[in-house]
PDB file of N, CA and C in Angstrom:
ATOM      1  N   UNK A   1      34.327  86.802 -87.884  1.00  0.00           N
ATOM      2  CA  UNK A   1      34.344  86.424 -86.596  1.00  0.00           C
ATOM      3  C   UNK A   1      33.223  86.657 -85.859  1.00  0.00           C
ATOM      4  N   UNK A   2      32.090  86.390 -85.292  1.00  0.00           N
ATOM      5  CA  UNK A   2      30.636  87.067 -84.828  1.00  0.00           C
ATOM      6  C   UNK A   2      31.137  87.600 -83.408  1.00  0.00           C
ATOM      7  N   UNK A   3      30.330  88.631 -82.605  1.00  0.00           N
ATOM      8  CA  UNK A   3      30.699  89.212 -81.717  1.00  0.00           C
ATOM      9  C   UNK A   3      29.040  89.103 -80.761  1.00  0.00           C
ATOM     10  N   UNK A   4      28.600  88.244 -80.228  1.00  0.00           N
ATOM     11  CA  UNK A   4      27.599  88.030 -78.787  1.00  0.00           C
ATOM     12  C   UNK A   4      27.774  88.987 -77.525  1.00  0.00           C
ATOM     13  N   UNK A   5      26.873  89.614 -77.188  1.00  0.00           N
ATOM     14  CA  UNK A   5      27.240  90.282 -76.085  1.00  0.00           C
ATOM     15  C   UNK A   5      28.676  90.331 -76.050  1.00  0.00           C
ATOM     16  N   UNK A   6      29.466  91.269 -77.006  1.00  0.00           N
ATOM     17  CA  UNK A   6      30.793  91.559 -76.564  1.00  0.00           C
ATOM     18  C   UNK A   6      32.136  90.568 -76.475  1.00  0.00           C
ATOM     19  N   UNK A   7      31.561  89.380 -76.536  1.00  0.00           N
ATOM     20  CA  UNK A   7      32.772  88.251 -76.841  1.00  0.00           C
ATOM     21  C   UNK A   7      32.840  87.716 -77.863  1.00  0.00           C
ATOM     22  N   UNK A   8      33.544  87.844 -78.740  1.00  0.00           N
ATOM     23  CA  UNK A   8      34.096  87.685 -80.163  1.00  0.00           C
ATOM     24  C   UNK A   8      33.663  86.074 -79.850  1.00  0.00           C
ATOM     25  N   UNK A   9      33.157  85.176 -80.884  1.00  0.00           N
ATOM     26  CA  UNK A   9      32.775  84.026 -81.117  1.00  0.00           C
ATOM     27  C   UNK A   9      31.834  83.223 -79.803  1.00  0.00           C
ATOM     28  N   UNK A  10      30.983  84.354 -79.029  1.00  0.00           N
ATOM     29  CA  UNK A  10      30.176  83.204 -78.255  1.00  0.00           C
ATOM     30  C   UNK A  10      29.111  82.820 -78.663  1.00  0.00           C
ATOM     31  N   UNK A  11      28.562  83.185 -79.884  1.00  0.00           N
ATOM     32  CA  UNK A  11      27.710  82.661 -80.208  1.00  0.00           C
ATOM     33  C   UNK A  11      27.862  81.161 -81.109  1.00  0.00           C
ATOM     34  N   UNK A  12      29.063  80.843 -81.553  1.00  0.00           N
ATOM     35  CA  UNK A  12      29.669  79.705 -81.775  1.00  0.00           C
ATOM     36  C   UNK A  12      29.693  78.610 -80.550  1.00  0.00           C
ATOM     37  N   UNK A  13      29.889  79.366 -79.667  1.00  0.00           N
ATOM     38  CA  UNK A  13      30.105  78.311 -78.386  1.00  0.00           C
ATOM     39  C   UNK A  13      28.415  77.563 -77.606  1.00  0.00           C
ATOM     40  N   UNK A  14      27.707  79.307 -77.470  1.00  0.00           N
ATOM     41  CA  UNK A  14      26.535  79.210 -77.234  1.00  0.00           C
ATOM     42  C   UNK A  14      26.065  78.052 -77.834  1.00  0.00           C
ATOM     43  N   UNK A  15      25.831  77.746 -79.219  1.00  0.00           N
ATOM     44  CA  UNK A  15      24.949  77.018 -80.561  1.00  0.00           C
ATOM     45  C   UNK A  15      25.876  75.790 -80.299  1.00  0.00           C
ATOM     46  N   UNK A  16      27.084  75.468 -79.845  1.00  0.00           N
ATOM     47  CA  UNK A  16      27.642  74.183 -80.058  1.00  0.00           C
ATOM     48  C   UNK A  16      27.272  74.096 -78.165  1.00  0.00           C
ATOM     49  N   UNK A  17      26.888  74.595 -76.893  1.00  0.00           N
ATOM     50  CA  UNK A  17      26.413  74.230 -75.402  1.00  0.00           C
ATOM     51  C   UNK A  17      24.700  73.736 -76.447  1.00  0.00           C
ATOM     52  N   UNK A  18      23.915  74.175 -76.209  1.00  0.00           N
ATOM     53  CA  UNK A  18      22.593  73.984 -77.035  1.00  0.00           C
ATOM     54  C   UNK A  18      22.462  72.715 -77.483  1.00  0.00           C
ATOM     55  N   UNK A  19      23.669  73.186 -78.466  1.00  0.00           N
ATOM     56  CA  UNK A  19      23.439  71.322 -79.252  1.00  0.00           C
ATOM     57  C   UNK A  19      23.830  70.261 -78.600  1.00  0.00           C
ATOM     58  N   UNK A  20      24.633  70.536 -77.387  1.00  0.00           N
ATOM     59  CA  UNK A  20      25.502  69.209 -77.066  1.00  0.00           C
ATOM     60  C   UNK A  20      24.302  68.736 -75.991  1.00  0.00           C
ATOM     61  N   UNK A  21      23.116  69.881 -75.440  1.00  0.00           N
ATOM     62  CA  UNK A  21      22.367  69.660 -74.348  1.00  0.00           C
ATOM     63  C   UNK A  21      21.313  68.935 -75.360  1.00  0.00           C
ATOM     64  N   UNK A  22      20.691  69.700 -76.318  1.00  0.00           N
ATOM     65  CA  UNK A  22      19.578  68.855 -77.098  1.00  0.00           C
ATOM     66  C   UNK A  22      19.703  67.070 -76.889  1.00  0.00           C
ATOM     67  N   UNK A  23      20.892  67.044 -77.363  1.00  0.00           N
ATOM     68  CA  UNK A  23      21.052  65.814 -78.417  1.00  0.00           C
ATOM     69  C   UNK A  23      20.262  65.615 -79.336  1.00  0.00           C
ATOM     70  N   UNK A  24      20.515  66.550 -80.176  1.00  0.00           N
ATOM     71  CA  UNK A  24      20.261  66.434 -81.778  1.00  0.00           C
ATOM     72  C   UNK A  24      21.324  66.292 -82.443  1.00  0.00           C
ATOM     73  N   UNK A  25      21.552  64.983 -83.432  1.00  0.00           N
ATOM     74  CA  UNK A  25      22.904  64.583 -83.915  1.00  0.00           C
ATOM     75  C   UNK A  25      23.246  65.503 -84.463  1.00  0.00           C
ATOM     76  N   UNK A  26      22.518  65.853 -86.100  1.00  0.00           N
ATOM     77  CA  UNK A  26      22.778  66.775 -86.890  1.00  0.00           C
ATOM     78  C   UNK A  26      22.678  68.255 -86.289  1.00  0.00           C
ATOM     79  N   UNK A  27      22.588  68.455 -85.340  1.00  0.00           N
ATOM     80  CA  UNK A  27      22.452  70.438 -84.560  1.00  0.00           C
ATOM     81  C   UNK A  27      24.241  69.966 -84.481  1.00  0.00           C
ATOM     82  N   UNK A  28      24.307  68.938 -83.620  1.00  0.00           N
ATOM     83  CA  UNK A  28      25.549  68.955 -82.975  1.00  0.00           C
ATOM     84  C   UNK A  28      26.482  68.931 -84.160  1.00  0.00           C
ATOM     85  N   UNK A  29      26.958  67.918 -84.831  1.00  0.00           N
ATOM     86  CA  UNK A  29      27.643  68.358 -86.076  1.00  0.00           C
ATOM     87  C   UNK A  29      27.311  69.285 -86.880  1.00  0.00           C
ATOM     88  N   UNK A  30      26.580  69.779 -86.931  1.00  0.00           N
ATOM     89  CA  UNK A  30      26.623  71.617 -87.584  1.00  0.00           C
ATOM     90  C   UNK A  30      27.660  72.424 -86.503  1.00  0.00           C
ATOM     91  N   UNK A  31      27.359  72.281 -85.149  1.00  0.00           N
ATOM     92  CA  UNK A  31      27.788  73.107 -84.059  1.00  0.00           C
ATOM     93  C   UNK A  31      29.165  72.635 -84.103  1.00  0.00           C
ATOM     94  N   UNK A  32      29.940  71.293 -84.286  1.00  0.00           N
ATOM     95  CA  UNK A  32      31.258  71.111 -83.885  1.00  0.00           C
ATOM     96  C   UNK A  32      31.600  71.718 -85.547  1.00  0.00           C
ATOM     97  N   UNK A  33      31.337  71.650 -86.260  1.00  0.00           N
ATOM     98  CA  UNK A  33      32.082  72.103 -88.061  1.00  0.00           C
ATOM     99  C   UNK A  33      32.059  73.617 -87.469  1.00  0.00           C
ATOM    100  N   UNK A  34      31.229  74.414 -87.249  1.00  0.00           N
ATOM    101  CA  UNK A  34      30.868  75.566 -87.096  1.00  0.00           C
ATOM    102  C   UNK A  34      32.178  76.119 -85.643  1.00  0.00           C
ATOM    103  N   UNK A  35      32.279  75.354 -84.700  1.00  0.00           N
ATOM    104  CA  UNK A  35      33.624  75.526 -83.558  1.00  0.00           C
ATOM    105  C   UNK A  35      34.686  75.242 -84.076  1.00  0.00           C
ATOM    106  N   UNK A  36      35.064  74.055 -85.074  1.00  0.00           N
ATOM    107  CA  UNK A  36      36.129  73.681 -85.532  1.00  0.00           C
ATOM    108  C   UNK A  36      36.764  74.648 -86.542  1.00  0.00           C
ATOM    109  N   UNK A  37      35.967  75.520 -87.379  1.00  0.00           N
ATOM    110  CA  UNK A  37      35.948  76.609 -88.160  1.00  0.00           C
ATOM    111  C   UNK A  37      36.976  77.501 -87.681  1.00  0.00           C
ATOM    112  N   UNK A  38      36.700  77.775 -85.907  1.00  0.00           N
ATOM    113  CA  UNK A  38      37.281  78.750 -85.315  1.00  0.00           C
ATOM    114  C   UNK A  38      38.078  77.896 -83.856  1.00  0.00           C
ATOM    115  N   UNK A  39      39.024  76.895 -84.240  1.00  0.00           N
ATOM    116  CA  UNK A  39      39.514  76.770 -82.862  1.00  0.00           C
ATOM    117  C   UNK A  39      40.101  77.390 -82.212  1.00  0.00           C
ATOM    118  N   UNK A  40      39.916  78.946 -82.057  1.00  0.00           N
ATOM    119  CA  UNK A  40      40.689  79.883 -81.300  1.00  0.00           C
ATOM    120  C   UNK A  40      39.569  80.195 -80.263  1.00  0.00           C
ATOM    121  N   UNK A  41      38.561  79.379 -80.592  1.00  0.00           N
ATOM    122  CA  UNK A  41      37.148  79.644 -79.461  1.00  0.00           C
ATOM    123  C   UNK A  41      37.418  78.663 -78.560  1.00  0.00           C
ATOM    124  N   UNK A  42      37.714  77.658 -79.096  1.00  0.00           N
ATOM    125  CA  UNK A  42      37.429  76.878 -78.149  1.00  0.00           C
ATOM    126  C   UNK A  42      38.718  76.342 -77.510  1.00  0.00           C
ATOM    127  N   UNK A  43      39.959  76.781 -78.073  1.00  0.00           N
ATOM    128  CA  UNK A  43      41.462  77.147 -76.966  1.00  0.00           C
ATOM    129  C   UNK A  43      41.314  77.699 -75.757  1.00  0.00           C
ATOM    130  N   UNK A  44      40.422  79.000 -76.250  1.00  0.00           N
ATOM    131  CA  UNK A  44      40.595  80.501 -74.974  1.00  0.00           C
ATOM    132  C   UNK A  44      39.805  79.928 -74.231  1.00  0.00           C
ATOM    133  N   UNK A  45      38.678  78.880 -74.410  1.00  0.00           N
ATOM    134  CA  UNK A  45      37.605  77.873 -73.312  1.00  0.00           C
ATOM    135  C   UNK A  45      38.593  77.101 -72.686  1.00  0.00           C
ATOM    136  N   UNK A  46      38.989  76.530 -73.012  1.00  0.00           N
ATOM    137  CA  UNK A  46      40.202  75.200 -72.386  1.00  0.00           C
ATOM    138  C   UNK A  46      40.785  75.703 -71.926  1.00  0.00           C
ATOM    139  N   UNK A  47      41.512  77.179 -72.084  1.00  0.00           N
ATOM    140  CA  UNK A  47      42.456  77.721 -71.359  1.00  0.00           C
ATOM    141  C   UNK A  47      42.491  78.725 -70.051  1.00  0.00           C
ATOM    142  N   UNK A  48      41.069  78.431 -70.165  1.00  0.00           N
ATOM    143  CA  UNK A  48      40.677  79.791 -68.802  1.00  0.00           C
ATOM    144  C   UNK A  48      40.365  78.548 -68.001  1.00  0.00           C
ATOM    145  N   UNK A  49      39.758  77.521 -68.025  1.00  0.00           N
ATOM    146  CA  UNK A  49      39.204  76.100 -67.428  1.00  0.00           C
ATOM    147  C   UNK A  49      40.840  75.567 -66.425  1.00  0.00           C
ATOM    148  N   UNK A  50      41.614  75.459 -67.590  1.00  0.00           N
ATOM    149  CA  UNK A  50      42.915  74.825 -67.151  1.00  0.00           C
ATOM    150  C   UNK A  50      43.570  76.013 -66.187  1.00  0.00           C
ATOM    151  N   UNK A  51      43.823  77.024 -66.387  1.00  0.00           N
ATOM    152  CA  UNK A  51      44.101  78.295 -65.350  1.00  0.00           C
ATOM    153  C   UNK A  51      43.534  78.291 -64.558  1.00  0.00           C
ATOM    154  N   UNK A  52      41.927  78.017 -64.037  1.00  0.00           N
ATOM    155  CA  UNK A  52      41.281  78.201 -63.090  1.00  0.00           C
ATOM    156  C   UNK A  52      41.603  77.082 -62.126  1.00  0.00           C
ATOM    157  N   UNK A  53      41.298  75.423 -62.824  1.00  0.00           N
ATOM    158  CA  UNK A  53      42.001  74.453 -62.245  1.00  0.00           C
ATOM    159  C   UNK A  53      43.445  74.652 -61.637  1.00  0.00           C
ATOM    160  N   UNK A  54      43.973  74.763 -62.378  1.00  0.00           N
ATOM    161  CA  UNK A  54      45.357  74.837 -62.297  1.00  0.00           C
ATOM    162  C   UNK A  54      45.601  76.110 -60.742  1.00  0.00           C
ATOM    163  N   UNK A  55      44.944  76.903 -60.631  1.00  0.00           N
ATOM    164  CA  UNK A  55      45.268  77.898 -59.053  1.00  0.00           C
ATOM    165  C   UNK A  55      44.341  77.891 -58.390  1.00  0.00           C
ATOM    166  N   UNK A  56      43.766  76.486 -58.387  1.00  0.00           N
ATOM    167  CA  UNK A  56      42.736  76.095 -57.162  1.00  0.00           C
ATOM    168  C   UNK A  56      41.102  76.493 -56.792  1.00  0.00           C
ATOM    169  N   UNK A  57      40.983  77.134 -58.068  1.00  0.00           N
ATOM    170  CA  UNK A  57      39.632  77.893 -58.246  1.00  0.00           C
ATOM    171  C   UNK A  57      38.240  77.114 -58.360  1.00  0.00           C
ATOM    172  N   UNK A  58      37.544  76.660 -57.729  1.00  0.00           N
ATOM    173  CA  UNK A  58      36.534  75.675 -57.710  1.00  0.00           C
ATOM    174  C   UNK A  58      35.282  76.175 -58.529  1.00  0.00           C
ATOM    175  N   UNK A  59      34.272  75.016 -58.603  1.00  0.00           N
ATOM    176  CA  UNK A  59      33.458  76.038 -58.976  1.00  0.00           C
ATOM    177  C   UNK A  59      32.373  75.916 -57.940  1.00  0.00           C
ATOM    178  N   UNK A  60      31.634  76.819 -58.472  1.00  0.00           N
ATOM    179  CA  UNK A  60      30.972  77.648 -57.364  1.00  0.00           C
ATOM    180  C   UNK A  60      30.082  76.670 -57.382  1.00  0.00           C
ATOM    181  N   UNK A  61      29.164  76.504 -56.027  1.00  0.00           N
ATOM    182  CA  UNK A  61      28.241  75.531 -55.210  1.00  0.00           C
ATOM    183  C   UNK A  61      27.189  75.608 -56.416  1.00  0.00           C
ATOM    184  N   UNK A  62      26.224  76.951 -56.703  1.00  0.00           N
ATOM    185  CA  UNK A  62      25.559  76.984 -57.393  1.00  0.00           C
ATOM    186  C   UNK A  62      25.638  75.663 -58.847  1.00  0.00           C
ATOM    187  N   UNK A  63      26.315  76.153 -59.645  1.00  0.00           N
ATOM    188  CA  UNK A  63      27.252  75.383 -60.775  1.00  0.00           C
ATOM    189  C   UNK A  63      27.087  74.395 -60.101  1.00  0.00           C
ATOM    190  N   UNK A  64      27.621  73.698 -59.118  1.00  0.00           N
ATOM    191  CA  UNK A  64      27.504  72.149 -59.122  1.00  0.00           C
ATOM    192  C   UNK A  64      26.333  71.747 -58.853  1.00  0.00           C
ATOM    193  N   UNK A  65      25.769  72.449 -58.048  1.00  0.00           N
ATOM    194  CA  UNK A  65      24.456  71.775 -58.439  1.00  0.00           C
ATOM    195  C   UNK A  65      23.415  71.828 -59.569  1.00  0.00           C
ATOM    196  N   UNK A  66      23.834  72.982 -60.343  1.00  0.00           N
ATOM    197  CA  UNK A  66      22.908  73.327 -61.821  1.00  0.00           C
ATOM    198  C   UNK A  66      23.296  71.685 -62.700  1.00  0.00           C
ATOM    199  N   UNK A  67      25.046  71.797 -62.847  1.00  0.00           N
ATOM    200  CA  UNK A  67      25.411  70.919 -63.491  1.00  0.00           C
ATOM    201  C   UNK A  67      25.799  69.029 -63.035  1.00  0.00           C
ATOM    202  N   UNK A  68      24.735  68.700 -61.752  1.00  0.00           N
ATOM    203  CA  UNK A  68      24.671  67.533 -61.323  1.00  0.00           C
ATOM    204  C   UNK A  68      24.231  66.368 -62.332  1.00  0.00           C
ATOM    205  N   UNK A  69      23.485  66.341 -62.789  1.00  0.00           N
ATOM    206  CA  UNK A  69      22.775  65.780 -63.804  1.00  0.00           C
ATOM    207  C   UNK A  69      23.471  65.327 -65.067  1.00  0.00           C
ATOM    208  N   UNK A  70      23.942  66.487 -65.467  1.00  0.00           N
ATOM    209  CA  UNK A  70      24.622  66.289 -66.603  1.00  0.00           C
ATOM    210  C   UNK A  70      26.394  66.293 -66.322  1.00  0.00           C
ATOM    211  N   UNK A  71      26.689  66.505 -65.391  1.00  0.00           N
ATOM    212  CA  UNK A  71      28.029  65.950 -65.154  1.00  0.00           C
ATOM    213  C   UNK A  71      27.819  64.120 -65.023  1.00  0.00           C
ATOM    214  N   UNK A  72      26.426  63.377 -64.065  1.00  0.00           N
ATOM    215  CA  UNK A  72      26.688  62.541 -64.136  1.00  0.00           C
ATOM    216  C   UNK A  72      26.329  61.852 -65.221  1.00  0.00           C
ATOM    217  N   UNK A  73      25.576  61.946 -65.852  1.00  0.00           N
ATOM    218  CA  UNK A  73      25.501  61.729 -67.725  1.00  0.00           C
ATOM    219  C   UNK A  73      26.396  61.437 -68.530  1.00  0.00           C
ATOM    220  N   UNK A  74      27.479  62.276 -68.241  1.00  0.00           N
ATOM    221  CA  UNK A  74      28.847  62.429 -69.584  1.00  0.00           C
ATOM    222  C   UNK A  74      29.736  61.435 -68.503  1.00  0.00           C
ATOM    223  N   UNK A  75      29.881  60.976 -67.134  1.00  0.00           N
ATOM    224  CA  UNK A  75      30.434  60.394 -66.536  1.00  0.00           C
ATOM    225  C   UNK A  75      31.985  61.849 -66.283  1.00  0.00           C
ATOM    226  N   UNK A  76      31.509  62.461 -65.931  1.00  0.00           N
ATOM    227  CA  UNK A  76      32.758  63.853 -65.469  1.00  0.00           C
ATOM    228  C   UNK A  76      33.146  63.833 -64.544  1.00  0.00           C
ATOM    229  N   UNK A  77      32.585  63.187 -63.567  1.00  0.00           N
ATOM    230  CA  UNK A  77      33.193  62.812 -62.584  1.00  0.00           C
ATOM    231  C   UNK A  77      34.880  61.937 -62.333  1.00  0.00           C
ATOM    232  N   UNK A  78      34.738  61.138 -63.269  1.00  0.00           N
ATOM    233  CA  UNK A  78      35.163  59.894 -63.328  1.00  0.00           C
ATOM    234  C   UNK A  78      37.136  60.530 -63.662  1.00  0.00           C
ATOM    235  N   UNK A  79      36.769  61.338 -64.179  1.00  0.00           N
ATOM    236  CA  UNK A  79      38.118  62.231 -64.657  1.00  0.00           C
ATOM    237  C   UNK A  79      38.831  62.749 -63.091  1.00  0.00           C
ATOM    238  N   UNK A  80      40.019  62.569 -63.428  1.00  0.00           N
ATOM    239  CA  UNK A  80      40.662  63.151 -62.542  1.00  0.00           C
ATOM    240  C   UNK A  80      41.162  64.545 -61.855  1.00  0.00           C
ATOM    241  N   UNK A  81      40.641  65.191 -62.614  1.00  0.00           N
ATOM    242  CA  UNK A  81      40.857  66.803 -62.504  1.00  0.00           C
ATOM    243  C   UNK A  81      39.394  67.339 -61.510  1.00  0.00           C
ATOM    244  N   UNK A  82      38.453  66.220 -61.608  1.00  0.00           N
ATOM    245  CA  UNK A  82      37.128  66.168 -61.178  1.00  0.00           C
ATOM    246  C   UNK A  82      37.076  66.803 -59.390  1.00  0.00           C
ATOM    247  N   UNK A  83      38.251  66.198 -58.917  1.00  0.00           N
ATOM    248  CA  UNK A  83      38.647  66.001 -57.485  1.00  0.00           C
ATOM    249  C   UNK A  83      39.107  67.897 -57.377  1.00  0.00           C
ATOM    250  N   UNK A  84      39.635  68.415 -58.270  1.00  0.00           N
ATOM    251  CA  UNK A  84      40.159  69.459 -57.646  1.00  0.00           C
ATOM    252  C   UNK A  84      39.359  70.351 -58.344  1.00  0.00           C
ATOM    253  N   UNK A  85      38.748  70.546 -59.134  1.00  0.00           N
ATOM    254  CA  UNK A  85      36.950  71.342 -60.196  1.00  0.00           C
ATOM    255  C   UNK A  85      35.959  71.282 -59.429  1.00  0.00           C
ATOM    256  N   UNK A  86      35.227  70.238 -58.404  1.00  0.00           N
ATOM    257  CA  UNK A  86      34.087  69.889 -57.643  1.00  0.00           C
ATOM    258  C   UNK A  86      34.764  69.823 -56.049  1.00  0.00           C
ATOM    259  N   UNK A  87      36.245  70.207 -55.514  1.00  0.00           N
ATOM    260  CA  UNK A  87      36.267  69.693 -54.887  1.00  0.00           C
ATOM    261  C   UNK A  87      35.752  70.782 -53.563  1.00  0.00           C
TER     262      UNK A  87
END
């Protein structure tokens, strides 16, 4: 398991996020394979997001502004939980 900035597996997550935003299918597939090789990384990420959503922590206004195009492009505001996350 690779550490980056003191966080176990952070480099795998960063590689995946970059590949997702770049729309490079080959790089995205490589990043998905690396992420799947350590499913605990995705599990921790999902767990933290769900806990924050469950206890009513909204996204910061800065995050909402900076992710508007990304959320629109992928239709993320269509999910029912978007009303809690971005409310």
